[in-house]
Every structure is written in structure tokens, then in C-alpha cells.
N, C-alpha and C. Protein backbone atom coordinates (compact mmCIF):
# COMPACT_ATOMS: atom_id res chain seq x y z
N MET A 1 156.26 -161.75 197.00
CA MET A 1 155.28 -162.55 195.99
C MET A 1 154.18 -161.36 195.47
N THR A 2 154.09 -161.86 194.22
CA THR A 2 152.96 -160.91 193.22
C THR A 2 151.42 -161.40 193.14
N ILE A 3 150.59 -161.20 193.44
CA ILE A 3 149.65 -161.65 193.36
C ILE A 3 148.64 -161.66 191.95
N PRO A 4 148.55 -162.41 190.90
CA PRO A 4 148.68 -162.25 189.07
C PRO A 4 146.91 -161.83 189.23
N SER A 5 147.09 -160.40 189.64
CA SER A 5 145.94 -159.68 189.22
C SER A 5 146.17 -158.58 189.05
N THR A 6 145.29 -157.39 188.64
CA THR A 6 145.27 -156.10 188.20
C THR A 6 144.23 -155.38 188.70
N HIS A 7 144.24 -154.19 188.56
CA HIS A 7 142.87 -153.23 188.97
C HIS A 7 141.63 -154.12 188.32
N ASP A 8 141.55 -154.11 186.93
CA ASP A 8 140.38 -154.57 186.64
C ASP A 8 140.16 -156.33 186.74
N THR A 9 140.90 -157.23 187.06
CA THR A 9 141.04 -158.33 186.71
C THR A 9 141.56 -159.30 188.09
N ILE A 10 140.90 -160.41 188.84
CA ILE A 10 141.31 -160.95 189.44
C ILE A 10 141.58 -162.41 189.12
N ILE A 11 143.00 -162.76 189.56
CA ILE A 11 143.15 -163.73 189.44
C ILE A 11 143.52 -165.04 190.75
N TRP A 12 143.02 -166.04 190.62
CA TRP A 12 143.97 -166.61 191.79
C TRP A 12 143.89 -168.40 191.23
N ARG A 13 144.93 -169.39 191.88
CA ARG A 13 145.51 -170.37 191.16
C ARG A 13 145.13 -171.42 192.44
N LEU A 14 144.64 -172.66 192.59
CA LEU A 14 144.71 -173.36 193.42
C LEU A 14 144.46 -174.72 193.11
N HIS A 15 145.36 -175.45 193.79
CA HIS A 15 145.30 -176.95 193.32
C HIS A 15 145.09 -177.56 194.43
N VAL A 16 143.98 -178.78 193.45
CA VAL A 16 142.83 -179.78 194.49
C VAL A 16 143.10 -181.00 194.50
N ARG A 17 143.33 -181.83 195.42
CA ARG A 17 143.65 -183.22 195.28
C ARG A 17 142.67 -184.06 194.44
N SER A 18 141.31 -183.65 194.21
CA SER A 18 140.58 -184.41 193.45
C SER A 18 140.57 -184.45 191.90
N SER A 19 139.90 -184.64 191.77
CA SER A 19 139.95 -184.79 189.92
C SER A 19 138.82 -183.79 189.26
N PRO A 20 139.58 -183.43 187.92
CA PRO A 20 138.43 -181.74 187.34
C PRO A 20 137.24 -182.67 187.36
N GLU A 21 136.71 -183.84 187.28
CA GLU A 21 135.02 -184.24 187.38
C GLU A 21 134.67 -183.84 188.41
N LYS A 22 135.12 -183.83 189.61
CA LYS A 22 134.58 -183.87 191.16
C LYS A 22 134.38 -182.14 191.18
N VAL A 23 135.40 -181.51 190.93
CA VAL A 23 135.40 -179.85 191.18
C VAL A 23 134.31 -179.31 190.42
N PHE A 24 134.37 -180.08 188.83
CA PHE A 24 133.36 -179.48 188.28
C PHE A 24 131.70 -179.54 188.79
N ALA A 25 131.83 -181.25 189.13
CA ALA A 25 130.23 -180.86 189.68
C ALA A 25 129.96 -180.61 190.84
N LEU A 26 131.08 -180.25 191.92
CA LEU A 26 130.81 -179.11 192.99
C LEU A 26 130.05 -177.61 192.34
N LEU A 27 131.02 -177.37 191.17
CA LEU A 27 130.45 -176.01 190.91
C LEU A 27 128.81 -176.19 189.85
N ASP A 28 128.95 -177.07 189.44
CA ASP A 28 127.86 -177.76 188.63
C ASP A 28 126.68 -177.59 189.07
N SER A 29 126.23 -177.99 190.42
CA SER A 29 125.31 -178.62 191.08
C SER A 29 124.93 -178.03 192.18
N ASP A 30 123.60 -178.01 192.16
CA ASP A 30 122.88 -176.93 193.68
C ASP A 30 123.61 -177.81 194.82
N ALA A 31 123.74 -179.14 194.91
CA ALA A 31 124.14 -179.56 196.35
C ALA A 31 125.67 -179.38 196.29
N GLY A 32 126.64 -179.34 195.08
CA GLY A 32 127.43 -178.80 195.38
C GLY A 32 128.08 -177.61 195.79
N ARG A 33 127.36 -176.30 195.06
CA ARG A 33 127.40 -174.88 195.68
C ARG A 33 126.86 -174.99 196.92
N ALA A 34 125.82 -175.10 197.16
CA ALA A 34 125.59 -175.44 198.88
C ALA A 34 126.66 -175.94 200.02
N SER A 35 127.52 -176.60 199.00
CA SER A 35 128.38 -176.94 200.07
C SER A 35 129.46 -176.51 200.74
N PHE A 36 129.55 -175.52 199.59
CA PHE A 36 130.89 -174.50 200.05
C PHE A 36 131.01 -172.97 199.90
N TRP A 37 129.73 -172.80 199.12
CA TRP A 37 129.92 -171.73 198.81
C TRP A 37 128.57 -170.75 199.18
N ALA A 38 127.42 -171.04 198.91
CA ALA A 38 126.23 -170.18 199.53
C ALA A 38 125.26 -171.48 200.00
N GLU A 39 124.64 -170.64 201.22
CA GLU A 39 123.23 -171.09 201.77
C GLU A 39 122.41 -172.04 200.88
N SER A 40 122.29 -171.51 199.76
CA SER A 40 121.36 -172.02 198.74
C SER A 40 121.82 -171.77 197.46
N ALA A 41 121.81 -172.50 196.60
CA ALA A 41 122.08 -171.98 194.86
C ALA A 41 121.86 -173.15 193.90
N ILE A 42 120.13 -172.87 193.84
CA ILE A 42 119.46 -173.58 193.42
C ILE A 42 119.58 -173.33 191.50
N GLU A 43 119.79 -173.73 190.42
CA GLU A 43 119.56 -173.66 189.15
C GLU A 43 118.70 -173.50 188.49
N ARG A 44 117.86 -172.50 188.07
CA ARG A 44 116.64 -172.92 187.46
C ARG A 44 116.75 -171.96 185.66
N ASP A 45 116.53 -172.86 184.89
CA ASP A 45 116.69 -172.44 183.18
C ASP A 45 117.71 -171.45 183.36
N GLY A 46 119.37 -172.27 183.56
CA GLY A 46 120.26 -171.84 183.40
C GLY A 46 120.77 -170.17 183.84
N VAL A 47 119.73 -170.28 185.01
CA VAL A 47 120.23 -168.96 186.11
C VAL A 47 120.68 -169.50 187.72
N ILE A 48 121.51 -169.77 188.35
CA ILE A 48 122.05 -169.83 189.56
C ILE A 48 120.87 -168.79 190.90
N HIS A 49 120.50 -169.24 191.55
CA HIS A 49 119.75 -168.13 192.15
C HIS A 49 120.62 -168.49 193.76
N PHE A 50 121.67 -167.55 194.04
CA PHE A 50 122.11 -167.99 195.05
C PHE A 50 121.70 -167.06 196.07
N GLU A 51 122.07 -167.92 197.20
CA GLU A 51 121.40 -166.93 198.73
C GLU A 51 122.22 -167.16 200.13
N PHE A 52 123.13 -166.21 200.31
CA PHE A 52 124.31 -166.04 201.26
C PHE A 52 123.61 -165.58 202.66
N ILE A 53 124.11 -166.21 203.82
CA ILE A 53 123.94 -166.35 205.03
C ILE A 53 123.89 -164.79 205.20
N ASN A 54 124.40 -163.69 205.22
CA ASN A 54 124.20 -162.70 205.13
C ASN A 54 123.07 -161.75 204.91
N GLY A 55 122.02 -162.59 204.06
CA GLY A 55 121.16 -162.56 203.35
C GLY A 55 121.32 -161.95 202.28
N MET A 56 122.28 -161.64 201.52
CA MET A 56 122.66 -161.24 200.14
C MET A 56 122.19 -162.14 199.16
N ARG A 57 121.33 -162.15 198.23
CA ARG A 57 121.10 -162.87 196.71
C ARG A 57 121.97 -162.14 195.37
N ASP A 58 121.89 -163.40 194.70
CA ASP A 58 122.23 -163.33 193.24
C ASP A 58 121.91 -163.93 192.63
N GLU A 59 121.23 -163.48 191.58
CA GLU A 59 121.20 -164.53 189.92
C GLU A 59 122.04 -164.43 189.21
N ALA A 60 122.64 -165.91 189.21
CA ALA A 60 123.94 -165.42 188.46
C ALA A 60 123.26 -166.31 187.11
N ARG A 61 123.88 -166.03 186.00
CA ARG A 61 123.27 -166.45 184.27
C ARG A 61 124.75 -167.40 183.92
N ILE A 62 124.86 -168.62 184.32
CA ILE A 62 125.39 -169.34 183.65
C ILE A 62 126.02 -169.13 181.61
N LEU A 63 127.32 -168.54 181.75
CA LEU A 63 127.72 -168.33 180.89
C LEU A 63 127.89 -169.54 179.75
N GLU A 64 129.04 -170.54 180.44
CA GLU A 64 129.42 -171.35 179.67
C GLU A 64 129.51 -172.70 180.53
N ARG A 65 129.19 -173.92 180.19
CA ARG A 65 129.33 -175.13 180.85
C ARG A 65 130.38 -176.14 179.94
N ASN A 66 131.21 -176.35 180.47
CA ASN A 66 132.20 -177.18 179.41
C ASN A 66 132.80 -178.40 180.19
N PRO A 67 131.78 -179.29 180.80
CA PRO A 67 132.50 -180.21 181.39
C PRO A 67 133.61 -181.36 180.83
N PRO A 68 134.76 -181.36 181.88
CA PRO A 68 135.41 -180.76 183.31
C PRO A 68 135.96 -179.98 183.46
N ARG A 69 135.94 -178.87 181.98
CA ARG A 69 136.99 -177.93 182.12
C ARG A 69 136.68 -176.52 182.38
N ARG A 70 135.62 -176.24 182.04
CA ARG A 70 135.11 -174.43 182.41
C ARG A 70 133.95 -174.54 182.81
N PHE A 71 133.88 -173.39 183.22
CA PHE A 71 132.54 -173.46 184.06
C PHE A 71 132.63 -172.04 184.26
N ALA A 72 131.40 -171.03 183.84
CA ALA A 72 131.55 -168.98 183.87
C ALA A 72 130.19 -169.05 184.16
N ILE A 73 130.21 -168.39 184.82
CA ILE A 73 129.11 -167.53 185.50
C ILE A 73 129.07 -165.69 185.46
N LYS A 74 127.96 -164.85 185.39
CA LYS A 74 127.56 -163.83 185.18
C LYS A 74 127.38 -163.62 186.71
N TYR A 75 128.08 -163.09 187.70
CA TYR A 75 127.89 -163.35 188.94
C TYR A 75 128.42 -161.76 189.87
N PHE A 76 126.77 -161.33 190.49
CA PHE A 76 127.34 -159.96 190.80
C PHE A 76 127.31 -158.83 189.45
N GLY A 77 127.01 -158.75 188.47
CA GLY A 77 127.67 -158.27 187.49
C GLY A 77 129.01 -158.41 186.86
N SER A 78 129.97 -159.44 187.51
CA SER A 78 131.09 -159.72 186.85
C SER A 78 130.77 -160.72 186.30
N ARG A 79 131.99 -161.30 185.48
CA ARG A 79 132.22 -162.45 184.90
C ARG A 79 133.12 -163.06 185.37
N VAL A 80 133.10 -164.38 186.25
CA VAL A 80 133.53 -165.22 187.08
C VAL A 80 133.89 -166.26 186.14
N VAL A 81 135.04 -167.02 185.72
CA VAL A 81 135.41 -168.24 185.02
C VAL A 81 136.44 -169.10 185.96
N PHE A 82 136.15 -170.45 185.94
CA PHE A 82 137.05 -171.45 186.65
C PHE A 82 137.25 -171.99 185.61
N ASP A 83 138.86 -172.21 185.27
CA ASP A 83 139.01 -172.79 184.49
C ASP A 83 139.22 -174.06 185.44
N LEU A 84 139.70 -175.66 185.04
CA LEU A 84 140.01 -176.63 185.64
C LEU A 84 140.76 -177.98 184.63
N ASP A 85 142.13 -177.99 184.53
CA ASP A 85 143.00 -178.30 184.35
C ASP A 85 143.36 -179.94 185.37
N PRO A 86 143.56 -180.69 184.44
CA PRO A 86 144.10 -182.38 185.15
C PRO A 86 145.63 -181.52 185.62
N ALA A 87 145.85 -181.77 187.10
CA ALA A 87 147.25 -181.82 187.47
C ALA A 87 148.25 -182.47 186.89
N SER A 88 149.32 -182.23 186.73
CA SER A 88 150.51 -183.61 186.14
C SER A 88 150.56 -184.12 187.26
N THR A 89 151.28 -185.74 186.93
CA THR A 89 151.41 -186.45 188.33
C THR A 89 152.86 -186.00 188.83
N SER A 90 153.58 -185.46 188.47
CA SER A 90 155.08 -184.97 189.14
C SER A 90 154.80 -183.93 190.04
N GLY A 91 153.45 -182.64 189.52
CA GLY A 91 153.39 -181.94 190.68
C GLY A 91 153.97 -180.47 190.61
N GLY A 92 155.14 -180.72 189.75
CA GLY A 92 156.07 -179.56 189.77
C GLY A 92 156.63 -179.08 191.00
N GLY A 93 156.03 -179.23 191.94
CA GLY A 93 157.26 -178.73 193.37
C GLY A 93 157.29 -179.95 194.08
N GLY A 94 157.76 -181.29 193.47
CA GLY A 94 158.40 -182.18 194.10
C GLY A 94 157.09 -183.20 195.30
N GLY A 95 155.27 -182.63 194.97
CA GLY A 95 154.83 -183.18 196.28
C GLY A 95 153.99 -184.55 195.29
N GLY A 96 154.33 -184.75 194.07
CA GLY A 96 153.59 -185.34 193.94
C GLY A 96 152.41 -185.41 193.36
N GLY A 97 151.11 -186.12 192.63
CA GLY A 97 149.71 -185.01 192.34
C GLY A 97 148.99 -186.38 191.30
N GLY A 98 148.84 -185.31 190.62
CA GLY A 98 147.53 -185.51 189.80
C GLY A 98 146.43 -184.56 190.64
N GLY A 99 145.45 -184.73 190.39
CA GLY A 99 143.90 -183.77 190.98
C GLY A 99 144.00 -182.55 190.03
N THR A 100 143.66 -181.76 190.11
CA THR A 100 142.92 -180.50 189.47
C THR A 100 143.70 -178.90 189.78
N ASP A 101 144.32 -178.19 188.98
CA ASP A 101 145.40 -176.73 188.73
C ASP A 101 143.78 -176.33 188.66
N LEU A 102 143.46 -175.71 189.67
CA LEU A 102 142.20 -174.39 189.39
C LEU A 102 142.55 -173.05 189.04
N THR A 103 142.06 -172.13 188.08
CA THR A 103 142.14 -170.84 187.74
C THR A 103 140.75 -170.30 188.11
N MET A 104 140.83 -169.26 189.06
CA MET A 104 139.36 -168.70 188.60
C MET A 104 139.55 -167.58 188.42
N THR A 105 139.04 -166.55 187.71
CA THR A 105 139.41 -165.27 186.32
C THR A 105 138.18 -164.60 186.75
N ASN A 106 138.14 -163.51 187.39
CA ASN A 106 137.07 -162.62 187.64
C ASN A 106 137.19 -161.32 186.91
N THR A 107 136.67 -160.54 186.11
CA THR A 107 136.15 -159.58 185.34
C THR A 107 135.20 -159.11 185.62
N GLY A 108 135.63 -157.56 184.85
CA GLY A 108 134.10 -156.72 184.49
C GLY A 108 133.33 -156.22 185.75
N PHE A 109 134.48 -156.20 186.80
CA PHE A 109 133.79 -155.49 188.34
C PHE A 109 134.26 -154.10 188.24
N ASP A 110 133.59 -153.66 189.11
CA ASP A 110 133.97 -152.06 189.45
C ASP A 110 135.39 -152.21 190.32
N PRO A 111 136.52 -151.56 189.36
CA PRO A 111 137.86 -151.47 190.25
C PRO A 111 137.57 -150.94 191.47
N ALA A 112 137.11 -150.06 191.89
CA ALA A 112 136.89 -149.59 193.61
C ALA A 112 136.19 -150.93 194.66
N ASP A 113 135.65 -151.77 194.03
CA ASP A 113 135.51 -153.33 194.57
C ASP A 113 136.32 -154.25 194.86
N ARG A 114 137.36 -154.01 193.76
CA ARG A 114 138.44 -154.81 194.01
C ARG A 114 139.13 -155.28 195.65
N ASP A 115 139.44 -154.05 196.16
CA ASP A 115 140.05 -154.82 197.66
C ASP A 115 138.64 -155.13 198.51
N ASP A 116 137.96 -155.57 198.04
CA ASP A 116 136.94 -156.54 198.79
C ASP A 116 136.81 -157.74 198.16
N LEU A 117 136.85 -157.75 197.25
CA LEU A 117 136.43 -159.22 196.15
C LEU A 117 137.73 -159.77 196.37
N LEU A 118 139.41 -159.35 196.01
CA LEU A 118 140.65 -159.90 196.18
C LEU A 118 140.39 -161.15 197.57
N PRO A 119 140.13 -160.67 198.23
CA PRO A 119 140.29 -161.89 199.74
C PRO A 119 139.08 -162.62 199.48
N GLY A 120 137.69 -161.80 199.07
CA GLY A 120 136.69 -162.48 199.38
C GLY A 120 136.49 -163.70 198.31
N TRP A 121 137.39 -163.89 197.08
CA TRP A 121 137.42 -165.32 196.53
C TRP A 121 138.20 -166.42 197.55
N LEU A 122 138.82 -165.92 198.19
CA LEU A 122 139.69 -166.87 198.93
C LEU A 122 138.92 -167.24 199.80
N ASN A 123 137.47 -166.65 200.03
CA ASN A 123 136.51 -167.22 200.84
C ASN A 123 135.48 -168.29 200.51
N VAL A 124 135.73 -168.67 199.26
CA VAL A 124 135.34 -169.39 198.05
C VAL A 124 135.98 -170.46 197.97
N LEU A 125 137.21 -170.20 197.57
CA LEU A 125 138.30 -171.33 197.10
C LEU A 125 138.61 -172.42 198.07
N PHE A 126 138.95 -171.86 199.23
CA PHE A 126 139.44 -172.83 200.16
C PHE A 126 138.03 -173.51 200.59
N PRO A 127 137.15 -173.17 200.91
CA PRO A 127 136.07 -173.87 200.62
C PRO A 127 135.57 -174.73 199.59
N LEU A 128 135.80 -174.68 198.50
CA LEU A 128 135.70 -175.43 197.46
C LEU A 128 136.87 -176.48 198.02
N LYS A 129 138.18 -176.20 198.05
CA LYS A 129 138.76 -177.38 198.17
C LYS A 129 138.89 -178.28 199.35
N ALA A 130 138.33 -177.47 200.28
CA ALA A 130 137.98 -178.49 201.44
C ALA A 130 136.83 -179.38 201.45
N ALA A 131 135.80 -179.05 200.83
CA ALA A 131 134.54 -179.99 200.28
C ALA A 131 135.08 -180.92 199.25
N ALA A 132 135.72 -180.62 198.30
CA ALA A 132 136.30 -181.37 197.16
C ALA A 132 137.08 -182.79 197.71
N ASP A 133 138.01 -182.40 198.44
CA ASP A 133 139.12 -183.09 198.78
C ASP A 133 138.93 -183.40 199.68
N PHE A 134 138.39 -183.03 200.85
CA PHE A 134 138.02 -183.63 202.44
C PHE A 134 136.60 -184.25 202.55
N GLY A 135 135.64 -183.45 201.86
CA GLY A 135 134.56 -183.81 202.59
C GLY A 135 133.57 -182.80 203.50
N ILE A 136 134.52 -181.77 203.81
CA ILE A 136 133.96 -180.80 205.02
C ILE A 136 133.31 -179.65 204.53
N ASP A 137 132.95 -179.25 205.33
CA ASP A 137 132.11 -177.07 205.26
C ASP A 137 133.07 -176.85 206.03
N LEU A 138 133.53 -175.87 205.68
CA LEU A 138 134.66 -174.75 206.58
C LEU A 138 133.88 -173.44 207.24
N ARG A 139 132.13 -173.47 206.79
CA ARG A 139 131.75 -172.02 206.98
C ARG A 139 131.11 -172.79 208.37
N SER A 140 130.46 -171.37 209.10
CA SER A 140 130.07 -171.50 210.50
C SER A 140 128.04 -171.61 210.00
N HIS A 141 128.17 -170.87 209.32
CA HIS A 141 126.55 -170.96 209.04
C HIS A 141 126.01 -170.27 209.80
N ASP A 142 126.33 -169.57 210.44
CA ASP A 142 125.73 -168.48 211.37
C ASP A 142 125.52 -166.95 211.14
N PRO A 143 124.71 -166.31 210.68
CA PRO A 143 124.19 -165.40 210.85
C PRO A 143 124.75 -164.09 211.12
N THR A 144 125.13 -164.45 212.12
CA THR A 144 125.96 -163.26 213.22
C THR A 144 127.37 -163.31 212.98
N ARG A 145 127.57 -163.85 212.31
CA ARG A 145 129.24 -163.88 212.35
C ARG A 145 129.47 -164.15 210.24
N THR A 146 129.57 -162.66 209.56
CA THR A 146 129.89 -162.80 208.46
C THR A 146 131.02 -161.81 208.02
N TRP A 147 130.79 -161.81 206.94
CA TRP A 147 132.02 -161.16 206.37
C TRP A 147 131.93 -159.73 206.74
N GLU A 148 131.14 -159.21 206.24
CA GLU A 148 130.88 -157.95 206.79
C GLU A 148 131.05 -157.67 208.18
N LYS A 149 131.22 -158.61 209.30
CA LYS A 149 131.41 -158.34 210.70
C LYS A 149 132.88 -158.56 210.90
N GLY A 150 133.83 -158.82 209.94
CA GLY A 150 135.10 -159.62 210.37
C GLY A 150 135.53 -160.41 210.41
N PHE A 151 134.16 -161.73 209.48
CA PHE A 151 134.30 -163.59 210.07
C PHE A 151 134.55 -164.09 208.48
N VAL A 152 135.62 -164.81 208.44
CA VAL A 152 136.40 -165.38 207.38
C VAL A 152 135.19 -166.63 207.15
N ASP A 153 134.86 -167.22 208.03
CA ASP A 153 134.04 -168.56 207.80
C ASP A 153 132.67 -168.34 207.87
N GLN A 154 132.37 -167.47 207.44
CA GLN A 154 130.75 -167.29 207.10
C GLN A 154 129.90 -168.70 207.25
């Protein structure tokens, strides 16, 4: 399998059974982001104030908000775009469907950070799918069990 990413661009695709409207609402609301991404992610004046379990913080400027199709932010100095496309009912893989085909594209990061960022985005995308499709939070919320200590269920 070839991951559709390069040294300076990360692209991940994810199928979510939920509608683009529901997925967009998770990305575009304080409670939504806190349900899968960060311990707190409050927006003020077009800036999301992310606070993570390991103490990291970021002030992410919203670059684009086009409900329910696109949400883009300046995140830790890089550009992150979530494109949400209604999935075809045929599913293309015989699984039936509908829902959302999400494409996350991350650009503008230091290529030296790619090996950390590439798997790190899965730690955002899979919890997003769990929150959208099943209403559950996959994270442990335990500050002694963080990404830096080898835990994927922060």
C-alpha cells in the first residue's frame, strides 16, 4: 500500500457513516472538537484555543469555514484542511453506504516532523469516526499516558 503523502504533504482519507453535516459540526464546534480531538478547543474570534492532555497548547486560526464541505485551520504552524464529500450510496466497495468521505490534507509543516505527524493524524481521525458514528470517545484522558510515552489513546 502506498500512503498518498509526500515529504511535505500528508493526506489521509477516511469514510464515516455519518453525514457531512454531522462531521462538520464536530470539527466546527467547541464541544465537538473536545469530544474527539483535544481536552478543550474553544473558539474565540476565529481562533481555536486547543489544550491537550499532555499540556500542549495551540492557537489555531480558522482559515476557511464552508459548511458542510470544508474546514481549514492554521494548526501548529501548518495548514490543515478537512474536505467532506457526501459518499455515494454504492460505496464503491460493495458495502453500501452514504455517509461522508473525509480527506484531511496537512501542508506547510517542517518535513523533519513528518514521521511524527503522519501517524499522529490517525490519533485524530479514528476518534473523530468513533465520535461521529458511535458517540464514543476513544481517548483515555490520562495525563500519565500520552503520545510521548507511547500511548495512542491519549
